[in-house]
Structure formats: C-alpha cells, structure tokens
C-alpha atoms as a PDB file:
ATOM      1  CA  UNK A   1     -41.867 -12.052   9.147  1.00  0.00           C
ATOM      2  CA  UNK A   2     -41.595 -11.887   5.626  1.00  0.00           C
ATOM      3  CA  UNK A   3     -38.098  -9.524   5.602  1.00  0.00           C
ATOM      4  CA  UNK A   4     -37.928  -6.449   4.317  1.00  0.00           C
ATOM      5  CA  UNK A   5     -35.975  -7.113   1.811  1.00  0.00           C
ATOM      6  CA  UNK A   6     -37.008 -10.347   0.734  1.00  0.00           C
ATOM      7  CA  UNK A   7     -39.500 -10.808  -2.635  1.00  0.00           C
ATOM      8  CA  UNK A   8     -42.729 -10.009  -2.552  1.00  0.00           C
ATOM      9  CA  UNK A   9     -45.160 -13.584  -2.351  1.00  0.00           C
ATOM     10  CA  UNK A  10     -46.457 -14.595  -6.049  1.00  0.00           C
ATOM     11  CA  UNK A  11     -50.134 -16.000  -6.664  1.00  0.00           C
ATOM     12  CA  UNK A  12     -51.333 -18.170  -9.669  1.00  0.00           C
ATOM     13  CA  UNK A  13     -53.972 -16.681 -11.458  1.00  0.00           C
ATOM     14  CA  UNK A  14     -56.761 -18.356 -13.261  1.00  0.00           C
ATOM     15  CA  UNK A  15     -54.237 -19.388 -16.045  1.00  0.00           C
ATOM     16  CA  UNK A  16     -51.933 -20.728 -13.740  1.00  0.00           C
ATOM     17  CA  UNK A  17     -48.952 -17.057 -14.517  1.00  0.00           C
ATOM     18  CA  UNK A  18     -47.264 -15.881 -12.255  1.00  0.00           C
ATOM     19  CA  UNK A  19     -48.591 -12.480 -11.385  1.00  0.00           C
ATOM     20  CA  UNK A  20     -47.095 -10.568  -8.265  1.00  0.00           C
ATOM     21  CA  UNK A  21     -49.834 -10.462  -4.930  1.00  0.00           C
ATOM     22  CA  UNK A  22     -51.352  -7.359  -4.413  1.00  0.00           C
ATOM     23  CA  UNK A  23     -53.425  -5.627  -1.504  1.00  0.00           C
ATOM     24  CA  UNK A  24     -52.537  -3.457   1.490  1.00  0.00           C
ATOM     25  CA  UNK A  25     -50.056  -5.416   2.496  1.00  0.00           C
ATOM     26  CA  UNK A  26     -47.822  -5.780  -0.502  1.00  0.00           C
ATOM     27  CA  UNK A  27     -48.356  -1.755  -1.111  1.00  0.00           C
ATOM     28  CA  UNK A  28     -47.174  -1.407   2.669  1.00  0.00           C
ATOM     29  CA  UNK A  29     -44.309  -3.453   2.487  1.00  0.00           C
ATOM     30  CA  UNK A  30     -43.142  -1.808  -0.941  1.00  0.00           C
ATOM     31  CA  UNK A  31     -43.625   1.937   0.799  1.00  0.00           C
ATOM     32  CA  UNK A  32     -41.986   0.883   3.422  1.00  0.00           C
ATOM     33  CA  UNK A  33     -39.236  -0.398   1.660  1.00  0.00           C
ATOM     34  CA  UNK A  34     -38.536   2.739  -0.391  1.00  0.00           C
ATOM     35  CA  UNK A  35     -38.564   4.509   2.567  1.00  0.00           C
ATOM     36  CA  UNK A  36     -35.785   2.667   4.216  1.00  0.00           C
ATOM     37  CA  UNK A  37     -33.833   3.051   0.946  1.00  0.00           C
ATOM     38  CA  UNK A  38     -34.053   6.600   1.033  1.00  0.00           C
ATOM     39  CA  UNK A  39     -32.883   6.817   4.805  1.00  0.00           C
ATOM     40  CA  UNK A  40     -30.069   4.629   4.154  1.00  0.00           C
ATOM     41  CA  UNK A  41     -28.845   6.567   0.868  1.00  0.00           C
ATOM     42  CA  UNK A  42     -29.314   9.956   2.928  1.00  0.00           C
ATOM     43  CA  UNK A  43     -27.755   8.679   6.285  1.00  0.00           C
ATOM     44  CA  UNK A  44     -24.333   7.293   3.867  1.00  0.00           C
ATOM     45  CA  UNK A  45     -24.494  10.842   2.464  1.00  0.00           C
ATOM     46  CA  UNK A  46     -24.901  13.110   5.326  1.00  0.00           C
ATOM     47  CA  UNK A  47     -21.862  11.222   6.837  1.00  0.00           C
ATOM     48  CA  UNK A  48     -19.772  11.507   3.617  1.00  0.00           C
ATOM     49  CA  UNK A  49     -20.406  15.434   3.555  1.00  0.00           C
ATOM     50  CA  UNK A  50     -19.778  15.531   7.917  1.00  0.00           C
ATOM     51  CA  UNK A  51     -16.934  13.781   7.729  1.00  0.00           C
ATOM     52  CA  UNK A  52     -14.941  14.738   4.592  1.00  0.00           C
ATOM     53  CA  UNK A  53     -14.826  11.580   2.668  1.00  0.00           C
ATOM     54  CA  UNK A  54     -14.938  12.229  -0.963  1.00  0.00           C
ATOM     55  CA  UNK A  55     -17.272   9.668  -2.928  1.00  0.00           C
ATOM     56  CA  UNK A  56     -16.004   6.232  -4.029  1.00  0.00           C
ATOM     57  CA  UNK A  57     -14.776   5.965  -7.605  1.00  0.00           C
ATOM     58  CA  UNK A  58     -16.700   3.903  -9.870  1.00  0.00           C
ATOM     59  CA  UNK A  59     -13.054   2.307 -10.911  1.00  0.00           C
ATOM     60  CA  UNK A  60     -10.038   2.004  -8.108  1.00  0.00           C
ATOM     61  CA  UNK A  61      -7.200   3.525  -8.564  1.00  0.00           C
ATOM     62  CA  UNK A  62      -3.866   1.189  -9.829  1.00  0.00           C
ATOM     63  CA  UNK A  63      -2.299   0.370  -6.090  1.00  0.00           C
ATOM     64  CA  UNK A  64       1.651   2.132  -5.953  1.00  0.00           C
ATOM     65  CA  UNK A  65       4.469   0.882  -8.029  1.00  0.00           C
ATOM     66  CA  UNK A  66       5.689  -2.709  -5.776  1.00  0.00           C
ATOM     67  CA  UNK A  67       9.193  -2.817  -6.112  1.00  0.00           C
ATOM     68  CA  UNK A  68      12.320  -4.382  -4.725  1.00  0.00           C
ATOM     69  CA  UNK A  69      11.871  -4.349  -0.684  1.00  0.00           C
ATOM     70  CA  UNK A  70      15.056  -4.586   1.727  1.00  0.00           C
ATOM     71  CA  UNK A  71      14.986  -5.255   5.667  1.00  0.00           C
ATOM     72  CA  UNK A  72      15.937  -2.103   7.709  1.00  0.00           C
ATOM     73  CA  UNK A  73      17.166  -2.449  11.424  1.00  0.00           C
ATOM     74  CA  UNK A  74      18.176  -0.463  15.039  1.00  0.00           C
ATOM     75  CA  UNK A  75      20.033  -2.270  17.913  1.00  0.00           C
ATOM     76  CA  UNK A  76      21.067  -0.795  20.872  1.00  0.00           C
ATOM     77  CA  UNK A  77      23.842  -3.677  21.699  1.00  0.00           C
ATOM     78  CA  UNK A  78      24.312  -2.267  25.332  1.00  0.00           C
ATOM     79  CA  UNK A  79      28.207  -2.474  24.392  1.00  0.00           C
ATOM     80  CA  UNK A  80      27.821  -6.403  23.505  1.00  0.00           C
ATOM     81  CA  UNK A  81      27.201  -6.767  26.880  1.00  0.00           C
ATOM     82  CA  UNK A  82      24.144  -9.036  27.506  1.00  0.00           C
ATOM     83  CA  UNK A  83      21.650  -9.589  30.529  1.00  0.00           C
ATOM     84  CA  UNK A  84      23.399 -12.161  31.691  1.00  0.00           C
ATOM     85  CA  UNK A  85      26.273  -9.603  32.788  1.00  0.00           C
ATOM     86  CA  UNK A  86      28.721 -11.134  30.018  1.00  0.00           C
ATOM     87  CA  UNK A  87      31.052  -9.394  27.143  1.00  0.00           C
ATOM     88  CA  UNK A  88      30.277 -10.932  24.147  1.00  0.00           C
ATOM     89  CA  UNK A  89      30.151  -9.471  20.365  1.00  0.00           C
ATOM     90  CA  UNK A  90      29.982 -13.245  18.776  1.00  0.00           C
ATOM     91  CA  UNK A  91      25.832 -13.199  20.015  1.00  0.00           C
ATOM     92  CA  UNK A  92      25.039  -9.700  18.584  1.00  0.00           C
ATOM     93  CA  UNK A  93      26.637 -10.888  15.262  1.00  0.00           C
ATOM     94  CA  UNK A  94      24.159 -14.116  15.411  1.00  0.00           C
ATOM     95  CA  UNK A  95      21.583 -11.754  16.529  1.00  0.00           C
ATOM     96  CA  UNK A  96      21.909  -9.664  13.703  1.00  0.00           C
ATOM     97  CA  UNK A  97      22.248 -13.035  11.166  1.00  0.00           C
ATOM     98  CA  UNK A  98      18.912 -13.986  12.301  1.00  0.00           C
ATOM     99  CA  UNK A  99      17.772 -10.519  11.442  1.00  0.00           C
ATOM    100  CA  UNK A 100      19.519 -10.777   7.844  1.00  0.00           C
ATOM    101  CA  UNK A 101      19.266  -6.606   7.385  1.00  0.00           C
ATOM    102  CA  UNK A 102      20.265  -4.893   4.317  1.00  0.00           C
ATOM    103  CA  UNK A 103      20.505  -1.485   5.949  1.00  0.00           C
ATOM    104  CA  UNK A 104      21.712  -1.522   9.979  1.00  0.00           C
ATOM    105  CA  UNK A 105      21.925   1.192  12.362  1.00  0.00           C
ATOM    106  CA  UNK A 106      23.965   0.049  15.848  1.00  0.00           C
ATOM    107  CA  UNK A 107      23.932   2.197  19.204  1.00  0.00           C
ATOM    108  CA  UNK A 108      26.421   1.466  21.824  1.00  0.00           C
ATOM    109  CA  UNK A 109      28.938   0.303  19.064  1.00  0.00           C
ATOM    110  CA  UNK A 110      31.749   1.895  21.235  1.00  0.00           C
ATOM    111  CA  UNK A 111      33.216   2.046  24.213  1.00  0.00           C
ATOM    112  CA  UNK A 112      32.485   5.292  25.572  1.00  0.00           C
ATOM    113  CA  UNK A 113      35.071   6.244  27.988  1.00  0.00           C
ATOM    114  CA  UNK A 114      39.074   6.165  27.839  1.00  0.00           C
ATOM    115  CA  UNK A 115      39.858   4.726  23.949  1.00  0.00           C
ATOM    116  CA  UNK A 116      36.754   4.927  21.712  1.00  0.00           C
ATOM    117  CA  UNK A 117      37.723   1.371  20.055  1.00  0.00           C
ATOM    118  CA  UNK A 118      34.646  -0.495  18.277  1.00  0.00           C
ATOM    119  CA  UNK A 119      33.117  -3.236  19.848  1.00  0.00           C
ATOM    120  CA  UNK A 120      31.132  -5.097  16.856  1.00  0.00           C
ATOM    121  CA  UNK A 121      32.253  -8.387  15.342  1.00  0.00           C
ATOM    122  CA  UNK A 122      33.099  -6.898  12.279  1.00  0.00           C
ATOM    123  CA  UNK A 123      34.713 -10.683  10.991  1.00  0.00           C
ATOM    124  CA  UNK A 124      30.886 -12.008  11.380  1.00  0.00           C
ATOM    125  CA  UNK A 125      29.103  -9.204  10.007  1.00  0.00           C
ATOM    126  CA  UNK A 126      31.105  -9.271   6.658  1.00  0.00           C
ATOM    127  CA  UNK A 127      30.120 -12.793   6.622  1.00  0.00           C
ATOM    128  CA  UNK A 128      26.386 -12.128   6.747  1.00  0.00           C
ATOM    129  CA  UNK A 129      27.415  -9.653   4.026  1.00  0.00           C
ATOM    130  CA  UNK A 130      27.430  -6.209   5.674  1.00  0.00           C
ATOM    131  CA  UNK A 131      29.678  -3.594   5.478  1.00  0.00           C
ATOM    132  CA  UNK A 132      30.540  -0.744   8.435  1.00  0.00           C
ATOM    133  CA  UNK A 133      29.774   2.805   6.703  1.00  0.00           C
ATOM    134  CA  UNK A 134      33.034   4.718   7.619  1.00  0.00           C
ATOM    135  CA  UNK A 135      31.212   6.944  10.405  1.00  0.00           C
ATOM    136  CA  UNK A 136      34.188   6.806  13.367  1.00  0.00           C
ATOM    137  CA  UNK A 137      37.025   9.673  12.507  1.00  0.00           C
ATOM    138  CA  UNK A 138      39.094   7.312  15.126  1.00  0.00           C
ATOM    139  CA  UNK A 139      40.866   4.253  12.784  1.00  0.00           C
ATOM    140  CA  UNK A 140      39.837   1.382  15.310  1.00  0.00           C
ATOM    141  CA  UNK A 141      36.278   3.146  16.125  1.00  0.00           C
ATOM    142  CA  UNK A 142      33.151   2.011  14.270  1.00  0.00           C
ATOM    143  CA  UNK A 143      30.526   4.749  15.275  1.00  0.00           C
ATOM    144  CA  UNK A 144      30.077   7.849  16.214  1.00  0.00           C
ATOM    145  CA  UNK A 145      28.834   9.215  19.914  1.00  0.00           C
ATOM    146  CA  UNK A 146      28.695   4.749  19.171  1.00  0.00           C
ATOM    147  CA  UNK A 147      26.610   5.303  16.430  1.00  0.00           C
ATOM    148  CA  UNK A 148      27.622   2.699  13.454  1.00  0.00           C
ATOM    149  CA  UNK A 149      25.861   1.690  10.483  1.00  0.00           C
ATOM    150  CA  UNK A 150      25.880  -1.147   8.163  1.00  0.00           C
ATOM    151  CA  UNK A 151      24.947  -1.886   4.810  1.00  0.00           C
ATOM    152  CA  UNK A 152      24.514  -4.670   2.105  1.00  0.00           C
ATOM    153  CA  UNK A 153      24.684  -3.074  -0.713  1.00  0.00           C
ATOM    154  CA  UNK A 154      24.929   0.738  -1.583  1.00  0.00           C
ATOM    155  CA  UNK A 155      26.955   3.839  -1.701  1.00  0.00           C
ATOM    156  CA  UNK A 156      27.541   6.458   0.743  1.00  0.00           C
ATOM    157  CA  UNK A 157      27.930   9.999  -1.180  1.00  0.00           C
ATOM    158  CA  UNK A 158      27.799  12.168   2.012  1.00  0.00           C
ATOM    159  CA  UNK A 159      28.651  11.319   5.710  1.00  0.00           C
ATOM    160  CA  UNK A 160      27.592  13.765   8.721  1.00  0.00           C
ATOM    161  CA  UNK A 161      28.227  13.755  11.878  1.00  0.00           C
ATOM    162  CA  UNK A 162      25.942  15.334  14.055  1.00  0.00           C
ATOM    163  CA  UNK A 163      26.696  16.562  17.207  1.00  0.00           C
ATOM    164  CA  UNK A 164      23.242  17.157  19.128  1.00  0.00           C
ATOM    165  CA  UNK A 165      22.552  19.693  21.987  1.00  0.00           C
ATOM    166  CA  UNK A 166      21.711  18.291  25.533  1.00  0.00           C
ATOM    167  CA  UNK A 167      23.318  17.623  28.829  1.00  0.00           C
ATOM    168  CA  UNK A 168      25.036  14.761  28.019  1.00  0.00           C
ATOM    169  CA  UNK A 169      27.436  14.033  24.722  1.00  0.00           C
ATOM    170  CA  UNK A 170      25.221  12.563  22.148  1.00  0.00           C
ATOM    171  CA  UNK A 171      25.062  12.160  18.559  1.00  0.00           C
ATOM    172  CA  UNK A 172      23.515  11.497  14.904  1.00  0.00           C
ATOM    173  CA  UNK A 173      25.035   9.979  12.170  1.00  0.00           C
ATOM    174  CA  UNK A 174      23.118  11.267   8.506  1.00  0.00           C
ATOM    175  CA  UNK A 175      24.399   8.998   5.482  1.00  0.00           C
ATOM    176  CA  UNK A 176      23.209   9.888   2.022  1.00  0.00           C
ATOM    177  CA  UNK A 177      23.476   7.061  -0.363  1.00  0.00           C
ATOM    178  CA  UNK A 178      22.979   5.800  -3.757  1.00  0.00           C
ATOM    179  CA  UNK A 179      21.076   1.941  -3.205  1.00  0.00           C
ATOM    180  CA  UNK A 180      20.017  -0.271  -6.370  1.00  0.00           C
ATOM    181  CA  UNK A 181      16.558   1.131  -6.139  1.00  0.00           C
ATOM    182  CA  UNK A 182      17.260   4.554  -6.053  1.00  0.00           C
ATOM    183  CA  UNK A 183      18.149   7.476  -3.179  1.00  0.00           C
ATOM    184  CA  UNK A 184      18.043   7.782   0.544  1.00  0.00           C
ATOM    185  CA  UNK A 185      19.095   9.868   3.267  1.00  0.00           C
ATOM    186  CA  UNK A 186      19.512   7.813   6.728  1.00  0.00           C
ATOM    187  CA  UNK A 187      20.023   9.020   9.657  1.00  0.00           C
ATOM    188  CA  UNK A 188      21.152   7.164  13.182  1.00  0.00           C
ATOM    189  CA  UNK A 189      20.509   8.408  16.214  1.00  0.00           C
ATOM    190  CA  UNK A 190      21.024   7.780  20.377  1.00  0.00           C
ATOM    191  CA  UNK A 191      18.848  11.024  22.153  1.00  0.00           C
ATOM    192  CA  UNK A 192      19.559  11.540  25.607  1.00  0.00           C
ATOM    193  CA  UNK A 193      17.885  10.356  29.013  1.00  0.00           C
ATOM    194  CA  UNK A 194      16.392  13.887  29.966  1.00  0.00           C
ATOM    195  CA  UNK A 195      13.037  14.423  28.136  1.00  0.00           C
ATOM    196  CA  UNK A 196      13.772  18.211  27.289  1.00  0.00           C
ATOM    197  CA  UNK A 197      17.150  16.880  25.684  1.00  0.00           C
ATOM    198  CA  UNK A 198      15.428  15.122  23.314  1.00  0.00           C
ATOM    199  CA  UNK A 199      13.066  17.725  22.441  1.00  0.00           C
ATOM    200  CA  UNK A 200      16.051  19.603  21.602  1.00  0.00           C
ATOM    201  CA  UNK A 201      17.696  16.851  19.711  1.00  0.00           C
ATOM    202  CA  UNK A 202      14.678  16.225  17.754  1.00  0.00           C
ATOM    203  CA  UNK A 203      14.994  19.860  16.484  1.00  0.00           C
ATOM    204  CA  UNK A 204      18.718  19.780  15.781  1.00  0.00           C
ATOM    205  CA  UNK A 205      18.271  16.820  14.233  1.00  0.00           C
ATOM    206  CA  UNK A 206      14.683  18.065  11.872  1.00  0.00           C
ATOM    207  CA  UNK A 207      16.840  20.855  11.193  1.00  0.00           C
ATOM    208  CA  UNK A 208      19.779  19.218   9.447  1.00  0.00           C
ATOM    209  CA  UNK A 209      17.633  16.988   7.545  1.00  0.00           C
ATOM    210  CA  UNK A 210      16.296  20.344   5.925  1.00  0.00           C
ATOM    211  CA  UNK A 211      19.272  21.765   5.333  1.00  0.00           C
ATOM    212  CA  UNK A 212      19.821  18.774   3.090  1.00  0.00           C
ATOM    213  CA  UNK A 213      18.644  17.973  -0.343  1.00  0.00           C
ATOM    214  CA  UNK A 214      14.930  16.358  -0.993  1.00  0.00           C
ATOM    215  CA  UNK A 215      15.193  12.751  -0.776  1.00  0.00           C
ATOM    216  CA  UNK A 216      13.450   9.685   0.654  1.00  0.00           C
ATOM    217  CA  UNK A 217      14.538   9.393   4.520  1.00  0.00           C
ATOM    218  CA  UNK A 218      15.368   6.724   7.045  1.00  0.00           C
ATOM    219  CA  UNK A 219      15.927   7.363  10.695  1.00  0.00           C
ATOM    220  CA  UNK A 220      15.847   5.387  12.865  1.00  0.00           C
ATOM    221  CA  UNK A 221      17.491   4.472  16.557  1.00  0.00           C
ATOM    222  CA  UNK A 222      17.391   4.256  20.486  1.00  0.00           C
ATOM    223  CA  UNK A 223      15.189   7.659  21.068  1.00  0.00           C
ATOM    224  CA  UNK A 224      14.658   6.609  24.491  1.00  0.00           C
ATOM    225  CA  UNK A 225      11.480   7.883  24.829  1.00  0.00           C
ATOM    226  CA  UNK A 226       8.521   5.642  25.766  1.00  0.00           C
ATOM    227  CA  UNK A 227       5.638   8.358  26.426  1.00  0.00           C
ATOM    228  CA  UNK A 228       2.472   8.761  23.661  1.00  0.00           C
ATOM    229  CA  UNK A 229       0.960  12.013  23.197  1.00  0.00           C
ATOM    230  CA  UNK A 230       1.469  15.523  24.179  1.00  0.00           C
ATOM    231  CA  UNK A 231       3.632  13.913  26.688  1.00  0.00           C
ATOM    232  CA  UNK A 232       6.620  12.751  23.853  1.00  0.00           C
ATOM    233  CA  UNK A 233       9.292  14.465  23.276  1.00  0.00           C
ATOM    234  CA  UNK A 234       9.483  13.137  19.763  1.00  0.00           C
ATOM    235  CA  UNK A 235       6.975  15.768  18.582  1.00  0.00           C
ATOM    236  CA  UNK A 236       9.159  17.615  17.436  1.00  0.00           C
ATOM    237  CA  UNK A 237       9.948  15.087  14.287  1.00  0.00           C
ATOM    238  CA  UNK A 238       5.873  14.673  14.051  1.00  0.00           C
ATOM    239  CA  UNK A 239       6.181  17.690  11.111  1.00  0.00           C
ATOM    240  CA  UNK A 240       8.093  15.154   9.141  1.00  0.00           C
ATOM    241  CA  UNK A 241       7.397  11.610  10.016  1.00  0.00           C
ATOM    242  CA  UNK A 242       3.977  11.847  11.354  1.00  0.00           C
ATOM    243  CA  UNK A 243       2.301   9.835  14.469  1.00  0.00           C
ATOM    244  CA  UNK A 244       6.092   8.838  16.543  1.00  0.00           C
ATOM    245  CA  UNK A 245       4.283   8.302  19.781  1.00  0.00           C
ATOM    246  CA  UNK A 246       4.278   4.958  19.528  1.00  0.00           C
ATOM    247  CA  UNK A 247       6.352   1.820  18.843  1.00  0.00           C
ATOM    248  CA  UNK A 248       6.422  -1.710  19.063  1.00  0.00           C
ATOM    249  CA  UNK A 249       8.115  -2.451  23.007  1.00  0.00           C
ATOM    250  CA  UNK A 250      12.138  -3.140  23.048  1.00  0.00           C
ATOM    251  CA  UNK A 251      12.793  -2.299  26.783  1.00  0.00           C
ATOM    252  CA  UNK A 252      14.180  -4.740  28.707  1.00  0.00           C
ATOM    253  CA  UNK A 253      14.584  -7.208  26.397  1.00  0.00           C
ATOM    254  CA  UNK A 254      13.755 -10.303  28.648  1.00  0.00           C
ATOM    255  CA  UNK A 255      10.341  -8.920  28.925  1.00  0.00           C
ATOM    256  CA  UNK A 256       9.717  -6.099  27.087  1.00  0.00           C
ATOM    257  CA  UNK A 257       7.871  -3.230  27.440  1.00  0.00           C
ATOM    258  CA  UNK A 258       9.087   0.195  26.868  1.00  0.00           C
ATOM    259  CA  UNK A 259       9.151   1.570  22.835  1.00  0.00           C
ATOM    260  CA  UNK A 260      12.613   3.370  23.614  1.00  0.00           C
ATOM    261  CA  UNK A 261      13.533   2.511  19.856  1.00  0.00           C
ATOM    262  CA  UNK A 262      12.318   3.602  16.729  1.00  0.00           C
ATOM    263  CA  UNK A 263      12.107   2.950  12.901  1.00  0.00           C
ATOM    264  CA  UNK A 264      10.324   6.057  11.206  1.00  0.00           C
ATOM    265  CA  UNK A 265      10.547   6.982   7.330  1.00  0.00           C
ATOM    266  CA  UNK A 266       9.402   9.763   5.241  1.00  0.00           C
ATOM    267  CA  UNK A 267       7.690   9.785   2.960  1.00  0.00           C
ATOM    268  CA  UNK A 268       4.422   7.867   3.590  1.00  0.00           C
ATOM    269  CA  UNK A 269       4.925   4.050   2.997  1.00  0.00           C
ATOM    270  CA  UNK A 270       8.868   4.384   2.916  1.00  0.00           C
ATOM    271  CA  UNK A 271       8.784   1.861   5.696  1.00  0.00           C
ATOM    272  CA  UNK A 272       5.973  -0.837   6.932  1.00  0.00           C
ATOM    273  CA  UNK A 273       6.078  -3.584   9.106  1.00  0.00           C
ATOM    274  CA  UNK A 274       7.720  -2.374  11.905  1.00  0.00           C
ATOM    275  CA  UNK A 275       8.532  -4.664  14.686  1.00  0.00           C
ATOM    276  CA  UNK A 276      11.194  -6.146  17.610  1.00  0.00           C
ATOM    277  CA  UNK A 277      12.926  -9.143  16.277  1.00  0.00           C
ATOM    278  CA  UNK A 278      12.261 -11.368  19.373  1.00  0.00           C
ATOM    279  CA  UNK A 279      14.135 -14.367  19.846  1.00  0.00           C
ATOM    280  CA  UNK A 280      15.381 -16.843  22.705  1.00  0.00           C
ATOM    281  CA  UNK A 281      19.297 -15.130  21.627  1.00  0.00           C
ATOM    282  CA  UNK A 282      18.057 -11.971  21.575  1.00  0.00           C
ATOM    283  CA  UNK A 283      16.461 -11.274  24.908  1.00  0.00           C
ATOM    284  CA  UNK A 284      19.932 -12.346  26.166  1.00  0.00           C
ATOM    285  CA  UNK A 285      22.144 -11.235  23.914  1.00  0.00           C
ATOM    286  CA  UNK A 286      21.772  -6.989  24.740  1.00  0.00           C
ATOM    287  CA  UNK A 287      19.353  -5.498  27.551  1.00  0.00           C
ATOM    288  CA  UNK A 288      17.068  -4.064  24.270  1.00  0.00           C
ATOM    289  CA  UNK A 289      15.637  -5.962  21.304  1.00  0.00           C
ATOM    290  CA  UNK A 290      16.127  -5.391  17.919  1.00  0.00           C
ATOM    291  CA  UNK A 291      13.887  -3.652  15.566  1.00  0.00           C
ATOM    292  CA  UNK A 292      13.075  -4.443  12.227  1.00  0.00           C
ATOM    293  CA  UNK A 293      11.091  -3.013   9.354  1.00  0.00           C
ATOM    294  CA  UNK A 294      10.717  -3.327   5.739  1.00  0.00           C
ATOM    295  CA  UNK A 295      11.553  -0.910   2.976  1.00  0.00           C
ATOM    296  CA  UNK A 296      10.828   0.260  -0.365  1.00  0.00           C
ATOM    297  CA  UNK A 297      11.640   3.561  -2.495  1.00  0.00           C
ATOM    298  CA  UNK A 298       9.489   2.476  -5.130  1.00  0.00           C
ATOM    299  CA  UNK A 299       6.040   2.265  -2.294  1.00  0.00           C
ATOM    300  CA  UNK A 300       6.633   5.325  -0.960  1.00  0.00           C
ATOM    301  CA  UNK A 301       4.029   8.422  -1.727  1.00  0.00           C
ATOM    302  CA  UNK A 302       4.831  11.654  -1.487  1.00  0.00           C
ATOM    303  CA  UNK A 303       2.064  13.314  -1.536  1.00  0.00           C
ATOM    304  CA  UNK A 304       3.297  14.898   2.427  1.00  0.00           C
ATOM    305  CA  UNK A 305       4.895  18.483   3.112  1.00  0.00           C
ATOM    306  CA  UNK A 306       8.482  18.498   1.909  1.00  0.00           C
ATOM    307  CA  UNK A 307      11.447  17.838   3.739  1.00  0.00           C
ATOM    308  CA  UNK A 308      12.162  22.015   3.704  1.00  0.00           C
ATOM    309  CA  UNK A 309       8.455  22.715   4.877  1.00  0.00           C
ATOM    310  CA  UNK A 310       8.640  20.550   7.786  1.00  0.00           C
ATOM    311  CA  UNK A 311      12.192  21.508   9.099  1.00  0.00           C
END
C-alpha cells in the first residue's frame, strides 16, 4: 500500500520523459491527501481556539537574559541532633559545606528553652565562606525563634523580626538585601504544627511582604505542610508564589516521604531546580534533609501580579 504522503508513482513516456501517473487511483490519492490536510489544519485551529493557544510567532522570542546564578538552601538542623541522637554541630557544618550555598536559611539554630544560645559551628561556617546575618537580639544567639540566615556575599539593608500567630511561639525573619546581582528580599520561616496556625502564619507572611517595597522575593524554610491541593495550609501564599503544595520529600531524612520544607520565589523564574540534598551524612546529621535550589535575579519574569496586589 502506498502511503498517503508518498510521491505519486511515475511512468515513462514514449520518449523516455518522466510524466506523472494519471488515472482514477492517482486522482483519488490526490483528493484524499488534500482533504486530510484540510482536516488536520482545521483540527489544529479548533484546538487553539478552544484552549486559547496563540499562533506561534514566525521568529521565536529571545530567551530571558542569563545572569550569574547562586545556590540557596534551607535546612532544619534539629538543634544539631542527628538521627543517631548525637549532638554534633560539626556534621551540620559538613553537610552545609557539601551544598556550598550562597544564601542559607537554618531552622532550630538555637536552644528553644532556657537561655537561647546558638548551636551552630560558626567557625566552620565561616571557613565555608558564610557569614551570619545579625537577627538574634541575644549576644550568643543565632536566630529569631530559631530562624538563622547566612550569606556568602551581600549587605543586609533591612532586618525584620516577625512574630507569627499561633498556639505556640513561632517566628520568621525578613531581610532585604543588596546582592551583586541586585536587591532581594529573603524570608526565612518555621511554621507551626497545627493546620489552622499555618494558615494564619501564611497570611501573616504575605501581609508583611506586602508592606514592603516591590522586589524579587525568596521564601524558604520548614513550613510543616505535606498535604497537596485544597488540603494545604499554604494556600494563602499562592497569590504571590503560585503553586506551593508540592516540594521534594525531605522528612524523615533516613527515608524521606513528606515534603515539609519549601523554597519559593517571586517573580516566576527566580528559583529553579529545587531538590533535596540527599547524601549519606545528611541522612544522619538531622531528621530533615536540606533543600537547595538555583536562583538568578536576571532570569525572573515580572509579568505577574505585584506583591502589594497579592497581599
């Protein structure tokens, strides 16, 4: 059988010239081919109209400008107590060195009760090139409600300590920074264990962001939510960050099943390649695996609702 899109057979004329075959079969093939082409074109046009898909431009638009990317990470260090119940800040520092982040949010960086002293090995982290952003109000503390922020380069312009609503003391840190690539707002948070509290905390974060100037915003931390879709307590964040229900499984670290941690960005394209850092040491250093992602201020696409509108 001759395929419909194959060339029609040729026959030799009396003088050896090549002439196209004629006859009922050739005419039928020609009519069938023309009708099929019209049907395909009509079907494609109908699909485009039905789904609102625009025609492809004749010349593709240029890609977004490329810029230097940095690595960002979030790590619940479980007060530096590993899955073997050993307190060992040096293991946490080694895992962080494996990631080599440029911006790092740490949860449970301080003792929770009594004198809230910091638990991180700051000397080892300095050797890794990371400096602590001063967010604690205590001389020997590392974070605010356990939320610490470390950076490789950049200047903190504004530091906001947020007390989040809920049944237990929870907080977040919001820092507006000047980086080599431009300005960036970083929100580091640790949400509560109750769904109703997490919903209120999500709304409080969005409101705090909306009070500030419009700039690219990175939010990262242990948000304690693994439920997808309508059951997610993080839905108040969606007007700004888009889909927030899903993330890489990060808990428990030995066999990660639950996506408790998040790295989110606004505008679209600010962060990409969000993944858990799963190494042999990370599986025992804490009960969470750290998350890491790539961030580029030059890749962000601002064609979205502004921060104030989302809030």
